[in-house]
Amino acid sequence: MKFIDEASIEVVAGNGGNGAVSFRREKYVPMGGPDGGDGGRGGSVFAIADENINTLVEYRFVKKYQAKNGEKGHGSDRYGKGADDIELRMPVGTTIHDADTGQLVADLTHHNQKVCLAKGGQGGLGNIHFKSSTNRSPKQATPGEEGESRRLNLELKVLADVGLLGMPNAGKSTLIRAVSAARPKVADYPFTTLHPNLGVVRLDETHSFVMADIPGLIEGAAEGAGLGHRFLKHLSRTQLLLHVVDMAPFDENVSPANEALKIIDELKRYNEELYQKPRWLVLNKVDMLPENEKNAKIEQFLKDIDWHNTQPDDRYAFDIKTPRVFIISALTKEGTQDLVYAICRYMEEQKNNLSGSLKTNSEK
């Protein structure tokens, strides 16, 4: 199925049915009173988050969703039938904005979350509601209310704990294959990843996290070069970014340090909040470096980009000013286990810090 992460739709709720003006007419009942029933409620339009859906492709082809109107009221105290609601199932992680005002309508963050996008109109009142001691034969009823309508922009942002960032062919897809059951396409040419891939990294029954791989960035992405910044939004919900660097590029004239700095620059130009996220450095493909040159090349790389490792006694002080550096080979899985365990430890600390913060606030 084609991966689509943006769509625009229009939703129109149904109008309420009109109330009825009617009087009881039966044999031997010459002075029958009012018996006009209420109109039915118009159908509403709802969005429901579904974890079994991972694309907005359906909403690229069907642009308008309109619920039916409520039935009008009838005589003999019969109320009109309410119209059925429309339920639009969308991927978990979808954000919905009003196209005219830009206002956030809904953020679907968990399975089966249900949000009303357009409310159906209430049915009108029949004349049975207007009878009184001074008005025994009311001839008035109210019309049904109009249903809401609005134009909406849908945007899917995948839900993941860890996001992979890097140039095309840095080995991001190979890394996610090495540590999870995900099987994205891997090849020796750029842009083999054309859409985000998710993989669940599981250590045991109680420890796991979700990793996201997005298409690689290149210099000039801010101006639309390559696949541009389109997929960077999928990293906005992550807690941690892994900057994957190809330490053994095919072209000897390509500098890994320059490539890494380009990614950092593009990230900062795209979004300051995303740039400030905790970001670890993952030096990949070290198995392709000559053994006698490996350490020197790594040290020179870290010096060139002014990136330093944490001290042993500060192993889990994950401050953006002192980011972690991991040396791995995704192909041979060298160093990947240490990386996975460090990420899991980080996630646990983040969870504990959040729990402690919530507990402190509740005590206040």
Protein backbone atom coordinates (compact mmCIF):
# COMPACT_ATOMS: atom_id res chain seq x y z
CA MET A 1 0.00 0.00 0.00
CA LYS A 2 1.32 3.45 -0.91
CA PHE A 3 2.51 5.55 2.03
CA ILE A 4 0.62 8.85 2.16
CA ASP A 5 1.13 11.15 5.14
CA GLU A 6 -0.85 14.24 4.09
CA ALA A 7 -4.38 14.78 2.81
CA SER A 8 -7.12 17.43 2.71
CA ILE A 9 -10.79 16.56 3.13
CA GLU A 10 -14.15 18.21 3.70
CA VAL A 11 -16.60 16.89 6.29
CA VAL A 12 -20.27 17.84 6.34
CA ALA A 13 -22.62 16.78 9.12
CA GLY A 14 -26.31 16.19 8.47
CA ASN A 15 -29.05 18.72 9.23
CA GLY A 16 -31.65 17.97 11.87
CA GLY A 17 -35.12 17.10 10.65
CA ASN A 18 -37.91 19.66 10.97
CA GLY A 19 -40.50 19.32 13.71
CA ALA A 20 -44.05 18.42 12.57
CA VAL A 21 -47.28 20.36 12.92
CA SER A 22 -50.06 17.83 13.27
CA PHE A 23 -53.31 17.31 15.17
CA ARG A 24 -55.00 14.18 16.37
CA ARG A 25 -57.79 13.20 13.99
CA GLU A 26 -59.76 10.15 15.01
CA LYS A 27 -63.36 9.09 14.95
CA TYR A 28 -65.19 10.11 18.09
CA VAL A 29 -62.33 12.44 19.02
CA PRO A 30 -63.50 15.75 17.52
CA MET A 31 -61.20 17.95 19.61
CA GLY A 32 -57.92 16.05 19.28
CA GLY A 33 -54.88 17.99 20.45
CA PRO A 34 -51.50 18.56 18.79
CA ASP A 35 -49.46 15.44 18.08
CA GLY A 36 -46.59 16.59 15.83
CA GLY A 37 -43.33 14.83 16.70
CA ASP A 38 -39.75 16.15 16.73
CA GLY A 39 -37.34 15.86 13.85
CA GLY A 40 -34.45 13.40 13.98
CA ARG A 41 -30.85 14.34 14.68
CA GLY A 42 -28.51 14.79 11.72
CA GLY A 43 -25.56 12.44 11.38
CA SER A 44 -22.18 13.53 12.78
CA VAL A 45 -18.70 12.83 11.39
CA PHE A 46 -16.13 11.26 13.72
CA ALA A 47 -12.43 10.38 13.41
CA ILE A 48 -11.25 7.17 15.08
CA ALA A 49 -7.60 6.26 15.61
CA ASP A 50 -6.78 2.77 14.36
CA GLU A 51 -3.38 1.18 15.03
CA ASN A 52 -3.95 -1.23 12.13
CA ILE A 53 -3.78 1.60 9.56
CA ASN A 54 -0.48 3.26 8.66
CA THR A 55 -1.31 5.57 5.76
CA LEU A 56 -3.77 8.30 4.75
CA VAL A 57 -4.03 6.98 1.20
CA GLU A 58 -7.82 6.57 1.41
CA TYR A 59 -8.26 10.30 1.97
CA ARG A 60 -6.27 11.22 -1.12
CA PHE A 61 -9.01 9.90 -3.40
CA VAL A 62 -12.24 10.53 -1.47
CA LYS A 63 -12.30 14.20 -0.57
CA LYS A 64 -15.79 14.79 0.83
CA TYR A 65 -17.62 12.95 3.61
CA GLN A 66 -21.24 13.97 4.13
CA ALA A 67 -23.60 12.52 6.71
CA LYS A 68 -27.32 12.21 6.02
CA ASN A 69 -29.99 14.56 7.36
CA GLY A 70 -32.33 13.57 10.16
CA GLU A 71 -35.88 12.55 9.25
CA LYS A 72 -38.65 15.09 9.75
CA GLY A 73 -41.21 14.58 12.52
CA HIS A 74 -44.59 12.92 11.94
CA GLY A 75 -48.06 13.05 13.36
CA SER A 76 -49.36 10.72 16.07
CA ASP A 77 -46.46 11.69 18.32
CA ARG A 78 -43.94 10.00 16.03
CA TYR A 79 -40.43 11.37 16.09
CA GLY A 80 -38.21 11.42 13.02
CA LYS A 81 -35.38 8.90 12.78
CA GLY A 82 -31.87 10.12 13.53
CA ALA A 83 -29.27 9.71 10.78
CA ASP A 84 -26.30 7.38 11.13
CA ASP A 85 -22.93 8.85 12.02
CA ILE A 86 -19.89 8.54 9.74
CA GLU A 87 -16.71 7.14 11.28
CA LEU A 88 -13.41 7.88 9.54
CA ARG A 89 -10.65 5.51 10.64
CA MET A 90 -7.19 7.10 10.60
CA PRO A 91 -3.69 6.01 11.64
CA VAL A 92 -2.55 6.60 15.19
CA GLY A 93 -0.35 9.70 15.05
CA THR A 94 -2.63 11.71 12.75
CA THR A 95 -3.07 15.39 13.52
CA ILE A 96 -6.14 17.20 12.17
CA HIS A 97 -6.18 20.95 11.58
CA ASP A 98 -8.93 23.27 10.40
CA ALA A 99 -7.88 24.31 6.89
CA ASP A 100 -9.34 27.81 7.24
CA THR A 101 -8.16 28.80 10.73
CA GLY A 102 -5.18 26.49 11.23
CA GLN A 103 -6.61 25.46 14.61
CA LEU A 104 -5.75 21.99 15.90
CA VAL A 105 -8.96 19.96 15.86
CA ALA A 106 -7.56 16.62 17.06
CA ASP A 107 -4.33 14.75 17.74
CA LEU A 108 -4.92 11.01 17.50
CA THR A 109 -2.34 9.53 19.85
CA HIS A 110 -3.84 6.20 20.98
CA HIS A 111 -5.85 3.31 19.55
CA ASN A 112 -9.65 3.76 19.38
CA GLN A 113 -9.46 7.46 20.31
CA LYS A 114 -12.66 9.04 18.96
CA VAL A 115 -13.06 12.72 18.08
CA CYS A 116 -16.05 14.56 16.60
CA LEU A 117 -15.05 16.47 13.48
CA ALA A 118 -18.48 17.83 12.54
CA LYS A 119 -21.56 17.66 14.79
CA GLY A 120 -24.95 16.88 13.31
CA GLY A 121 -27.79 19.34 13.78
CA GLN A 122 -30.45 18.77 16.44
CA GLY A 123 -33.93 17.94 15.23
CA GLY A 124 -36.64 20.61 15.39
CA LEU A 125 -39.46 20.55 17.94
CA GLY A 126 -42.94 19.38 16.94
CA ASN A 127 -46.05 21.29 17.94
CA ILE A 128 -46.70 18.94 20.89
CA HIS A 129 -44.13 21.02 22.78
CA PHE A 130 -46.06 24.27 22.33
CA LYS A 131 -49.45 23.33 23.76
CA SER A 132 -50.56 25.15 26.89
CA SER A 133 -53.71 26.12 28.74
CA THR A 134 -53.94 29.26 26.61
CA ASN A 135 -52.76 27.74 23.33
CA ARG A 136 -54.54 24.44 22.87
CA SER A 137 -53.98 24.15 19.12
CA PRO A 138 -50.47 25.45 18.42
CA LYS A 139 -49.54 25.61 14.78
CA GLN A 140 -45.86 26.30 15.25
CA ALA A 141 -42.87 23.97 15.09
CA THR A 142 -39.15 24.64 14.82
CA PRO A 143 -36.87 23.69 11.93
CA GLY A 144 -33.95 21.38 12.44
CA GLU A 145 -30.50 22.85 13.08
CA GLU A 146 -27.90 22.87 10.35
CA GLY A 147 -25.03 20.43 10.69
CA GLU A 148 -21.45 21.64 10.97
CA SER A 149 -19.13 21.59 7.99
CA ARG A 150 -15.43 22.28 7.75
CA ARG A 151 -12.38 21.72 5.58
CA LEU A 152 -9.61 19.78 7.26
CA ASN A 153 -5.92 19.09 6.71
CA LEU A 154 -4.72 15.66 7.82
CA GLU A 155 -1.06 15.05 8.65
CA LEU A 156 0.42 11.78 9.82
CA LYS A 157 3.40 11.82 12.18
CA VAL A 158 4.53 8.33 13.07
CA LEU A 159 4.79 7.50 16.77
CA ALA A 160 8.27 6.30 17.68
CA ASP A 161 10.64 6.58 20.64
CA VAL A 162 13.85 6.81 18.61
CA GLY A 163 14.43 8.39 15.20
CA LEU A 164 17.27 7.73 12.77
CA LEU A 165 18.80 10.72 11.02
CA GLY A 166 21.50 10.84 8.37
CA MET A 167 22.57 11.11 4.77
CA PRO A 168 21.32 8.65 2.14
CA ASN A 169 23.27 5.37 2.32
CA ALA A 170 24.48 6.04 5.86
CA GLY A 171 23.15 2.61 6.87
CA LYS A 172 19.98 3.62 8.72
CA SER A 173 17.85 0.90 7.12
CA THR A 174 20.54 -1.70 7.79
CA LEU A 175 20.63 -0.62 11.44
CA ILE A 176 16.89 -0.94 11.94
CA ARG A 177 17.03 -4.38 10.28
CA ALA A 178 19.86 -5.40 12.60
CA VAL A 179 18.08 -4.52 15.85
CA SER A 180 14.39 -5.16 15.02
CA ALA A 181 12.12 -7.33 12.92
CA ALA A 182 11.51 -4.52 10.41
CA ARG A 183 12.69 -5.30 6.88
CA PRO A 184 13.07 -2.04 4.93
CA LYS A 185 14.68 -2.10 1.51
CA VAL A 186 18.48 -2.05 1.56
CA ALA A 187 20.67 -1.38 -1.50
CA ASP A 188 24.00 0.22 -2.42
CA TYR A 189 22.50 3.37 -3.94
CA PRO A 190 21.00 6.53 -2.38
CA PHE A 191 17.34 6.99 -1.47
CA THR A 192 16.44 3.32 -1.15
CA THR A 193 14.19 4.46 1.72
CA LEU A 194 11.30 6.43 0.23
CA HIS A 195 8.99 6.53 3.24
CA PRO A 196 9.29 6.08 7.03
CA ASN A 197 9.75 2.58 8.42
CA LEU A 198 9.02 1.53 11.99
CA GLY A 199 10.67 -1.30 13.90
CA VAL A 200 10.04 -2.55 17.43
CA VAL A 201 13.32 -3.22 19.25
CA ARG A 202 12.62 -5.75 21.99
CA LEU A 203 15.13 -6.73 24.67
CA ASP A 204 12.78 -8.91 26.69
CA GLU A 205 9.10 -9.15 27.59
CA THR A 206 9.11 -5.90 29.56
CA HIS A 207 11.68 -3.74 27.74
CA SER A 208 11.18 -2.49 24.19
CA PHE A 209 11.05 0.70 22.16
CA VAL A 210 10.01 1.79 18.67
CA MET A 211 12.60 3.01 16.16
CA ALA A 212 11.76 5.09 13.07
CA ASP A 213 13.84 5.25 9.88
CA ILE A 214 13.12 8.15 7.51
CA PRO A 215 14.50 8.92 4.03
CA GLY A 216 17.97 10.45 4.13
CA LEU A 217 18.63 14.18 3.96
CA ILE A 218 21.07 15.90 1.63
CA GLU A 219 22.47 19.41 1.55
CA GLY A 220 19.84 21.86 0.30
CA ALA A 221 16.91 19.89 1.69
CA ALA A 222 15.50 23.19 2.99
CA GLU A 223 15.16 24.30 -0.64
CA GLY A 224 13.58 20.99 -1.65
CA ALA A 225 16.68 19.09 -2.79
CA GLY A 226 16.35 15.31 -2.66
CA LEU A 227 13.20 14.45 -0.73
CA GLY A 228 13.47 17.76 1.13
CA HIS A 229 12.26 18.18 4.69
CA ARG A 230 8.98 16.42 4.09
CA PHE A 231 9.69 13.44 6.34
CA LEU A 232 11.48 15.25 9.18
CA LYS A 233 8.11 15.86 10.84
CA HIS A 234 8.00 12.13 11.61
CA LEU A 235 10.84 12.67 14.09
CA SER A 236 8.97 15.37 16.04
CA ARG A 237 7.35 12.91 18.47
CA THR A 238 10.53 10.96 19.21
CA GLN A 239 12.40 11.24 22.51
CA LEU A 240 15.84 10.60 21.06
CA LEU A 241 17.57 11.09 17.70
CA LEU A 242 20.39 8.87 16.42
CA HIS A 243 22.60 10.66 13.91
CA VAL A 244 23.99 7.85 11.75
CA VAL A 245 27.23 8.66 9.87
CA ASP A 246 28.84 6.64 7.08
CA MET A 247 32.49 6.39 8.12
CA ALA A 248 33.54 4.58 4.93
CA PRO A 249 31.90 6.35 1.95
CA PHE A 250 32.42 4.85 -1.53
CA ASP A 251 33.78 8.16 -2.81
CA GLU A 252 37.11 8.87 -1.10
CA ASN A 253 36.64 12.58 -1.74
CA VAL A 254 33.55 12.65 0.50
CA SER A 255 34.32 13.80 4.04
CA PRO A 256 32.20 12.10 6.76
CA ALA A 257 32.69 15.17 8.96
CA ASN A 258 31.36 17.54 6.29
CA GLU A 259 28.41 15.23 5.65
CA ALA A 260 27.59 15.15 9.38
CA LEU A 261 27.79 18.94 9.67
CA LYS A 262 25.44 19.33 6.71
CA ILE A 263 22.83 17.18 8.45
CA ILE A 264 23.14 19.20 11.66
CA ASP A 265 22.73 22.43 9.69
CA GLU A 266 19.66 21.15 7.83
CA LEU A 267 18.10 19.99 11.10
CA LYS A 268 18.60 23.39 12.70
CA ARG A 269 17.18 25.20 9.67
CA TYR A 270 14.12 22.99 9.68
CA ASN A 271 13.03 23.26 13.30
CA GLU A 272 14.80 24.57 16.41
CA GLU A 273 12.76 22.33 18.72
CA LEU A 274 13.77 19.24 16.77
CA TYR A 275 17.38 20.43 16.74
CA GLN A 276 17.34 20.69 20.54
CA LYS A 277 16.19 17.09 21.04
CA PRO A 278 18.72 14.72 22.66
CA ARG A 279 20.89 13.47 19.79
CA TRP A 280 23.47 10.70 19.85
CA LEU A 281 26.14 10.08 17.27
CA VAL A 282 26.32 6.63 15.66
CA LEU A 283 29.46 6.04 13.58
CA ASN A 284 28.53 3.24 11.18
CA LYS A 285 30.43 0.96 8.76
CA VAL A 286 33.58 0.88 10.89
CA ASP A 287 34.12 -2.72 9.71
CA MET A 288 35.16 -1.22 6.35
CA LEU A 289 37.93 0.91 7.86
CA PRO A 290 41.50 -0.47 7.92
CA GLU A 291 42.17 -1.74 11.44
CA ASN A 292 45.39 0.28 11.79
CA GLU A 293 43.59 3.49 10.75
CA LYS A 294 40.26 3.05 12.54
CA ASN A 295 41.00 4.83 15.82
CA ALA A 296 42.81 7.71 14.15
CA LYS A 297 39.97 8.30 11.67
CA ILE A 298 37.36 8.27 14.44
CA GLU A 299 39.35 10.67 16.62
CA GLN A 300 39.91 13.03 13.69
CA PHE A 301 36.22 12.91 12.79
CA LEU A 302 35.12 13.82 16.33
CA LYS A 303 37.66 16.64 16.37
CA ASP A 304 36.51 17.99 12.99
CA ILE A 305 32.87 18.25 14.07
CA ASP A 306 33.74 19.32 17.65
CA TRP A 307 31.76 16.45 19.10
CA HIS A 308 32.99 14.83 22.31
CA ASN A 309 32.05 11.69 24.18
CA THR A 310 30.77 11.54 27.75
CA GLN A 311 33.11 10.51 30.53
CA PRO A 312 32.77 7.00 32.02
CA ASP A 313 31.45 8.38 35.31
CA ASP A 314 28.87 10.41 33.36
CA ARG A 315 27.71 7.50 31.25
CA TYR A 316 24.03 8.25 31.51
CA ALA A 317 24.03 12.01 31.85
CA PHE A 318 22.25 12.50 28.53
CA ASP A 319 22.66 16.21 28.03
CA ILE A 320 22.61 17.61 24.50
CA LYS A 321 25.90 19.38 25.30
CA THR A 322 27.57 16.04 26.08
CA PRO A 323 26.04 13.61 23.56
CA ARG A 324 26.93 9.93 23.41
CA VAL A 325 29.03 8.48 20.60
CA PHE A 326 28.63 4.86 19.47
CA ILE A 327 30.90 3.02 17.07
CA ILE A 328 29.08 0.25 15.22
CA SER A 329 28.75 -1.83 12.11
CA ALA A 330 25.08 -2.36 11.33
CA LEU A 331 26.01 -5.01 8.76
CA THR A 332 27.98 -7.21 11.16
CA LYS A 333 26.00 -6.00 14.24
CA GLU A 334 29.23 -4.95 15.94
CA GLY A 335 28.38 -2.50 18.74
CA THR A 336 24.62 -2.60 18.08
CA GLN A 337 23.85 -4.43 21.33
CA ASP A 338 25.57 -1.75 23.42
CA LEU A 339 23.60 0.89 21.53
CA VAL A 340 20.27 -0.86 22.13
CA TYR A 341 20.93 -1.33 25.84
CA ALA A 342 21.94 2.31 26.23
CA ILE A 343 18.76 3.46 24.48
CA CYS A 344 16.64 1.19 26.67
CA ARG A 345 18.34 2.55 29.79
CA TYR A 346 17.72 6.10 28.59
CA MET A 347 14.02 5.37 27.99
CA GLU A 348 13.69 3.93 31.48
CA GLU A 349 15.31 7.03 33.00
CA GLN A 350 13.06 9.33 31.00
CA LYS A 351 10.02 7.37 32.16
CA ASN A 352 11.12 7.50 35.80
CA ASN A 353 11.84 11.22 35.58
CA LEU A 354 8.38 11.85 34.15
CA SER A 355 6.73 9.74 36.85
CA GLY A 356 8.65 11.59 39.54
CA SER A 357 7.68 14.95 38.06
CA LEU A 358 4.00 14.01 37.91
CA LYS A 359 4.12 12.74 41.50
CA THR A 360 5.72 15.98 42.71
CA ASN A 361 3.11 18.09 40.92
CA SER A 362 0.26 16.01 42.35
CA GLU A 363 1.62 16.44 45.88
CA LYS A 364 1.69 20.20 45.41
